[in-house]
Amino acid sequence: MAPLQARVAAGPGHECRGGLDGARWLVEFSGGGRYKVAQSFSPDTGPIHDLGIAMLGLTGWTFTNVY
């Protein structure tokens, strides 16, 4: 597992509080007979944000705003 993925997977479960404007970021992991979900509402820092931005970067798409 890549270091960035490992940071999210090793962390505690994340409570996902909603809001009126934004997006739920949800990351699922499975392997070795285990399953884990990590989520956050419009994160602007932290491992879920970092992993999400890294995955979005792989698409080659350009974004003006990321929620």
Foldseek 3Di string as FASTA:
>chain_A
DDPLVCQQVVDDAEDEDEDDDFDKQWDWDDDPNDIDIHIYTRDPDDSSVVVVVVVVVVVVDDDPDHD
